[in-house]
Amino acid sequence: MTEQDTHLVLERLLRLRDRREPLVAQIAEWVGAGIIEGRLEPGQDLNSVDLSRRFETSRTPVREALMLLEQEGLVEMKARRRPRVAAPTPQDIRDIYQVRKNLLSMLAGLLVERADDEELAELRTRVERMRKLADGGDVDGYFWNHVLLQEQMAEIVGNPTLKQILDSLALRTLMLRHLSLTRAGRLAHSVDDQERLLQACEERDGELASALIAGATVRAQRAVEEQLEQDGAARGREPARGRRAASQPPPRHPLGTRHLASTSPSTGKLPPVTRADSSDAR
């Protein structure tokens, strides 16, 4: 998985090619990647002043970028309140995964019917790459390859209505899908699921493929719920100040040398932009 691949996934799902303002697209991609990969946490404030300083721009492009992310369910914006990272409720999560389970079951059944041997071989190559990433504990690399695997499947199936519906849920689920993979042992279980699914496709067993992907989706939902419960309990044990450890290294941004900085424990704001950040933001 290359940085360019990650960029292309977000560019397509956020429809950034349609934006005439490149800075709005850049800010939306930067914040969106941070939300999806967990560097910006659910409920965390998004200070438009700090973001405008980081990107050396006015607050207007920042607001437009956050409004774009709000439309995709990643950001919440309410009157007289600072924008913040969306925090799905337990019911939201159940609803999303219920729909996703049924859509993916349909996708798997159609894949068995429509994929030729060469296309299945291409999927096999990606799953083998995912196995190496899982064995190496590379959550981000595995996650984005999994995203691309399911995009490949949708392209092979060639049902534009199904793909459009999956895309409409994609950004709402990416944050949850990434979170599920951070649980201990989840990478190994996930790649096992992908290998069993692909074997069922190669054996042309559509019923089994549908059942396997449905089961994998249910397990992913449980992992999300368990991780959120664990995170909530951990936050309850921590002091009110300094929950984001100042010793944490600056998170790596998937698109290059830009990175998402942790918020200041005392102010909740993004730290001032450094010279390196300023040059990267141009």
Protein backbone atom coordinates (compact mmCIF):
# COMPACT_ATOMS: atom_id res chain seq x y z
CA MET A 1 0.00 0.00 0.00
CA THR A 2 1.55 3.27 -1.07
CA GLU A 3 0.86 6.78 0.17
CA GLN A 4 -0.54 7.53 -3.27
CA ASP A 5 -3.03 4.66 -2.95
CA THR A 6 -4.27 6.09 0.36
CA HIS A 7 -4.59 9.51 -1.23
CA LEU A 8 -6.60 8.11 -4.15
CA VAL A 9 -9.03 6.26 -1.85
CA LEU A 10 -9.79 9.40 0.15
CA GLU A 11 -9.86 11.58 -2.95
CA ARG A 12 -12.50 9.34 -4.54
CA LEU A 13 -14.67 8.84 -1.45
CA LEU A 14 -14.61 12.55 -0.58
CA ARG A 15 -15.05 13.46 -4.27
CA LEU A 16 -12.14 15.88 -3.95
CA ARG A 17 -11.50 15.99 -7.69
CA ASP A 18 -14.74 17.94 -7.98
CA ARG A 19 -13.41 20.66 -5.69
CA ARG A 20 -12.06 23.73 -7.42
CA GLU A 21 -10.32 24.91 -4.24
CA PRO A 22 -7.25 22.68 -3.74
CA LEU A 23 -6.67 23.92 -0.20
CA VAL A 24 -10.17 22.84 0.87
CA ALA A 25 -9.44 19.38 -0.54
CA GLN A 26 -6.07 19.24 1.22
CA ILE A 27 -7.53 20.21 4.61
CA ALA A 28 -10.43 17.76 4.23
CA GLU A 29 -8.06 14.94 3.33
CA TRP A 30 -5.67 15.79 6.18
CA VAL A 31 -8.39 15.90 8.84
CA GLY A 32 -10.28 12.94 7.35
CA ALA A 33 -7.20 10.70 7.41
CA GLY A 34 -6.56 11.66 11.03
CA ILE A 35 -10.12 10.75 12.02
CA ILE A 36 -10.10 7.45 10.15
CA GLU A 37 -6.75 6.30 11.54
CA GLY A 38 -7.66 7.34 15.08
CA ARG A 39 -5.23 10.21 15.59
CA LEU A 40 -8.19 12.53 16.05
CA GLU A 41 -10.49 10.88 18.55
CA PRO A 42 -14.32 10.75 18.59
CA GLY A 43 -15.64 13.83 20.35
CA GLN A 44 -12.36 15.74 20.02
CA ASP A 45 -12.72 19.45 19.21
CA LEU A 46 -11.51 20.71 15.84
CA ASN A 47 -10.29 24.27 16.34
CA SER A 48 -10.74 26.15 13.06
CA VAL A 49 -8.33 28.88 14.22
CA ASP A 50 -5.55 26.37 14.85
CA LEU A 51 -6.26 24.63 11.54
CA SER A 52 -6.20 27.92 9.64
CA ARG A 53 -2.81 28.70 11.18
CA ARG A 54 -1.50 25.25 10.30
CA PHE A 55 -2.49 25.67 6.66
CA GLU A 56 -1.65 29.39 6.56
CA THR A 57 -5.09 30.35 5.34
CA SER A 58 -8.27 32.07 6.46
CA ARG A 59 -10.96 30.20 8.36
CA THR A 60 -13.21 30.01 5.28
CA PRO A 61 -11.42 27.06 3.56
CA VAL A 62 -11.20 25.30 6.93
CA ARG A 63 -14.93 25.67 7.50
CA GLU A 64 -15.69 24.44 3.97
CA ALA A 65 -13.47 21.39 4.54
CA LEU A 66 -15.14 20.59 7.86
CA MET A 67 -18.60 21.01 6.30
CA LEU A 68 -17.57 18.51 3.62
CA LEU A 69 -16.53 16.03 6.31
CA GLU A 70 -19.78 16.70 8.16
CA GLN A 71 -21.73 15.61 5.08
CA GLU A 72 -19.85 12.29 5.18
CA GLY A 73 -20.52 11.71 8.88
CA LEU A 74 -16.96 12.26 10.12
CA VAL A 75 -17.46 15.67 11.76
CA GLU A 76 -20.25 17.20 13.85
CA MET A 77 -20.99 20.92 13.54
CA LYS A 78 -23.59 22.53 15.80
CA ALA A 79 -24.58 26.16 16.31
CA ARG A 80 -22.49 28.06 18.89
CA ARG A 81 -20.24 25.04 19.42
CA ARG A 82 -16.82 24.20 18.12
CA PRO A 83 -16.75 21.51 15.38
CA ARG A 84 -15.71 18.12 16.66
CA VAL A 85 -14.97 14.61 15.49
CA ALA A 86 -18.19 12.63 15.16
CA ALA A 87 -18.81 10.11 17.92
CA PRO A 88 -21.22 7.39 16.72
CA THR A 89 -23.57 6.01 19.35
CA PRO A 90 -23.83 2.27 20.05
CA GLN A 91 -27.10 2.24 18.09
CA ASP A 92 -25.40 4.01 15.15
CA ILE A 93 -22.75 1.29 15.11
CA ARG A 94 -25.32 -1.51 15.19
CA ASP A 95 -27.32 0.09 12.40
CA ILE A 96 -24.27 0.66 10.20
CA TYR A 97 -22.98 -2.89 10.59
CA GLN A 98 -26.41 -4.42 10.03
CA VAL A 99 -26.66 -2.68 6.67
CA ARG A 100 -23.03 -3.37 5.83
CA LYS A 101 -23.38 -7.09 6.60
CA ASN A 102 -26.24 -7.48 4.14
CA LEU A 103 -24.58 -5.42 1.41
CA LEU A 104 -21.32 -7.37 1.69
CA SER A 105 -23.18 -10.69 1.63
CA MET A 106 -24.72 -9.64 -1.67
CA LEU A 107 -21.31 -8.50 -2.93
CA ALA A 108 -19.69 -11.84 -2.10
CA GLY A 109 -22.44 -13.83 -3.82
CA LEU A 110 -22.15 -11.73 -6.97
CA LEU A 111 -18.37 -11.97 -6.89
CA VAL A 112 -18.56 -15.77 -7.09
CA GLU A 113 -20.88 -15.49 -10.09
CA ARG A 114 -18.97 -12.85 -12.03
CA ALA A 115 -15.25 -13.01 -11.23
CA ASP A 116 -13.07 -14.88 -13.69
CA ASP A 117 -9.96 -16.85 -12.69
CA GLU A 118 -7.59 -13.99 -13.51
CA GLU A 119 -9.54 -11.55 -11.33
CA LEU A 120 -9.57 -14.02 -8.45
CA ALA A 121 -5.81 -14.44 -8.85
CA GLU A 122 -5.41 -10.66 -8.47
CA LEU A 123 -7.48 -10.77 -5.29
CA ARG A 124 -5.33 -13.66 -4.05
CA THR A 125 -2.19 -11.56 -4.58
CA ARG A 126 -3.60 -8.75 -2.44
CA VAL A 127 -4.67 -11.13 0.32
CA GLU A 128 -1.17 -12.60 0.38
CA ARG A 129 0.19 -9.05 0.80
CA MET A 130 -2.29 -8.51 3.62
CA ARG A 131 -1.04 -11.66 5.35
CA LYS A 132 2.50 -10.25 5.41
CA LEU A 133 1.25 -6.94 6.79
CA ALA A 134 -0.81 -8.71 9.46
CA ASP A 135 2.15 -10.86 10.46
CA GLY A 136 4.22 -7.67 10.76
CA GLY A 137 1.60 -5.94 12.89
CA ASP A 138 1.14 -3.10 10.40
CA VAL A 139 -2.41 -1.96 11.25
CA ASP A 140 -2.49 1.03 8.88
CA GLY A 141 -0.97 -0.87 5.94
CA TYR A 142 -3.31 -3.81 6.45
CA PHE A 143 -6.33 -1.55 6.87
CA TRP A 144 -5.83 0.37 3.61
CA ASN A 145 -5.15 -2.86 1.71
CA HIS A 146 -8.39 -4.26 3.10
CA VAL A 147 -10.20 -1.15 1.87
CA LEU A 148 -8.68 -1.64 -1.58
CA LEU A 149 -9.53 -5.36 -1.55
CA GLN A 150 -13.22 -4.62 -1.11
CA GLU A 151 -13.04 -1.86 -3.73
CA GLN A 152 -11.53 -4.41 -6.15
CA MET A 153 -14.36 -6.80 -5.38
CA ALA A 154 -16.98 -4.13 -6.07
CA GLU A 155 -15.30 -3.21 -9.35
CA ILE A 156 -15.26 -6.86 -10.45
CA VAL A 157 -18.94 -7.33 -9.59
CA GLY A 158 -19.80 -4.35 -11.75
CA ASN A 159 -23.07 -3.39 -10.06
CA PRO A 160 -22.97 0.43 -9.94
CA THR A 161 -25.99 0.70 -7.63
CA LEU A 162 -24.46 -1.64 -5.07
CA LYS A 163 -21.13 0.17 -5.28
CA GLN A 164 -22.79 3.55 -4.86
CA ILE A 165 -24.57 2.39 -1.71
CA LEU A 166 -21.37 0.90 -0.28
CA ASP A 167 -19.52 4.14 -1.07
CA SER A 168 -22.21 6.17 0.69
CA LEU A 169 -21.46 4.21 3.88
CA ALA A 170 -17.71 3.99 3.34
CA LEU A 171 -16.46 7.04 5.20
CA ARG A 172 -18.86 6.43 8.09
CA THR A 173 -17.45 2.94 8.49
CA LEU A 174 -13.74 3.48 7.81
CA MET A 175 -13.10 4.93 11.27
CA LEU A 176 -14.91 1.97 12.84
CA ARG A 177 -13.15 -0.57 10.62
CA HIS A 178 -9.74 0.84 11.54
CA LEU A 179 -10.68 0.83 15.23
CA SER A 180 -11.70 -2.83 15.08
CA LEU A 181 -8.24 -3.77 13.79
CA THR A 182 -6.46 -2.15 16.74
CA ARG A 183 -7.73 -4.81 19.12
CA ALA A 184 -5.23 -7.47 20.13
CA GLY A 185 -5.35 -10.44 17.77
CA ARG A 186 -7.76 -8.81 15.30
CA LEU A 187 -5.27 -8.57 12.42
CA ALA A 188 -4.70 -12.33 12.45
CA HIS A 189 -8.43 -13.10 12.68
CA SER A 190 -9.24 -10.63 9.92
CA VAL A 191 -6.73 -11.98 7.42
CA ASP A 192 -7.89 -15.53 8.21
CA ASP A 193 -11.40 -14.38 7.30
CA GLN A 194 -10.19 -12.93 3.99
CA GLU A 195 -8.35 -16.14 3.08
CA ARG A 196 -11.42 -18.29 3.82
CA LEU A 197 -13.61 -15.92 1.81
CA LEU A 198 -11.31 -16.03 -1.19
CA GLN A 199 -11.09 -19.82 -1.03
CA ALA A 200 -14.89 -20.03 -1.12
CA CYS A 201 -14.88 -17.74 -4.17
CA GLU A 202 -12.25 -19.88 -5.89
CA GLU A 203 -14.38 -22.95 -5.20
CA ARG A 204 -17.40 -21.10 -6.65
CA ASP A 205 -19.44 -21.52 -3.47
CA GLY A 206 -21.53 -18.36 -3.37
CA GLU A 207 -23.62 -19.37 -0.38
CA LEU A 208 -20.53 -20.05 1.71
CA ALA A 209 -18.82 -16.83 0.57
CA SER A 210 -21.86 -14.79 1.60
CA ALA A 211 -22.02 -16.50 4.99
CA LEU A 212 -18.28 -16.01 5.60
CA ILE A 213 -18.28 -12.30 4.87
CA ALA A 214 -21.41 -11.82 7.00
CA GLY A 215 -19.73 -13.59 9.91
CA ALA A 216 -16.56 -11.53 9.49
CA THR A 217 -18.64 -8.34 9.56
CA VAL A 218 -20.38 -9.38 12.79
CA ARG A 219 -17.01 -10.12 14.41
CA ALA A 220 -15.70 -6.73 13.31
CA GLN A 221 -18.73 -5.06 14.90
CA ARG A 222 -18.10 -6.88 18.18
CA ALA A 223 -14.45 -5.81 18.11
CA VAL A 224 -15.50 -2.17 17.65
CA GLU A 225 -17.97 -2.34 20.54
CA GLU A 226 -15.45 -4.05 22.81
CA GLN A 227 -12.70 -1.55 21.96
CA LEU A 228 -14.98 1.44 22.56
CA GLU A 229 -16.05 -0.04 25.89
CA GLN A 230 -12.42 -0.62 26.84
CA ASP A 231 -11.42 2.91 25.78
CA GLY A 232 -14.30 4.39 27.76
CA ALA A 233 -13.29 2.48 30.88
CA ALA A 234 -9.65 3.58 30.45
CA ARG A 235 -10.65 7.24 30.11
CA GLY A 236 -12.69 6.93 33.28
CA ARG A 237 -9.58 5.80 35.18
CA GLU A 238 -7.39 8.65 33.89
CA PRO A 239 -7.11 12.11 35.47
CA ALA A 240 -9.18 14.84 33.85
CA ARG A 241 -6.08 16.61 32.51
CA GLY A 242 -3.41 15.12 30.32
CA ARG A 243 -5.37 12.19 28.93
CA ARG A 244 -3.44 12.53 25.68
CA ALA A 245 0.06 11.85 26.86
CA ALA A 246 2.55 14.56 26.01
CA SER A 247 5.13 11.82 25.54
CA GLN A 248 3.26 10.37 22.56
CA PRO A 249 5.25 10.81 19.33
CA PRO A 250 3.70 12.99 16.64
CA PRO A 251 1.45 10.71 14.53
CA ARG A 252 2.53 10.00 10.97
CA HIS A 253 0.30 11.29 8.24
CA PRO A 254 -0.21 8.63 5.53
CA LEU A 255 0.26 11.04 2.64
CA GLY A 256 3.83 12.11 3.25
CA THR A 257 5.86 14.22 5.63
CA ARG A 258 2.87 16.16 6.97
CA HIS A 259 1.68 14.81 10.29
CA LEU A 260 -1.22 15.29 12.65
CA ALA A 261 -0.08 16.72 15.95
CA SER A 262 -1.68 15.64 19.21
CA THR A 263 -3.75 18.23 20.99
CA SER A 264 -2.26 20.05 23.93
CA PRO A 265 -3.35 18.34 27.17
CA SER A 266 -3.87 21.68 28.92
CA THR A 267 -5.68 23.63 26.19
CA GLY A 268 -7.24 21.01 23.92
CA LYS A 269 -5.83 22.93 20.92
CA LEU A 270 -3.58 21.88 18.13
CA PRO A 271 -0.05 23.14 18.89
CA PRO A 272 1.39 26.04 16.91
CA VAL A 273 2.57 25.30 13.41
CA THR A 274 6.29 24.76 13.02
CA ARG A 275 8.29 25.91 10.04
CA ALA A 276 8.26 22.34 8.67
CA ASP A 277 4.47 22.21 9.00
CA SER A 278 4.12 25.56 7.29
CA SER A 279 6.14 24.53 4.26
CA ASP A 280 4.28 21.25 4.00
CA ALA A 281 0.90 22.96 4.20
CA ARG A 282 1.48 25.20 1.21
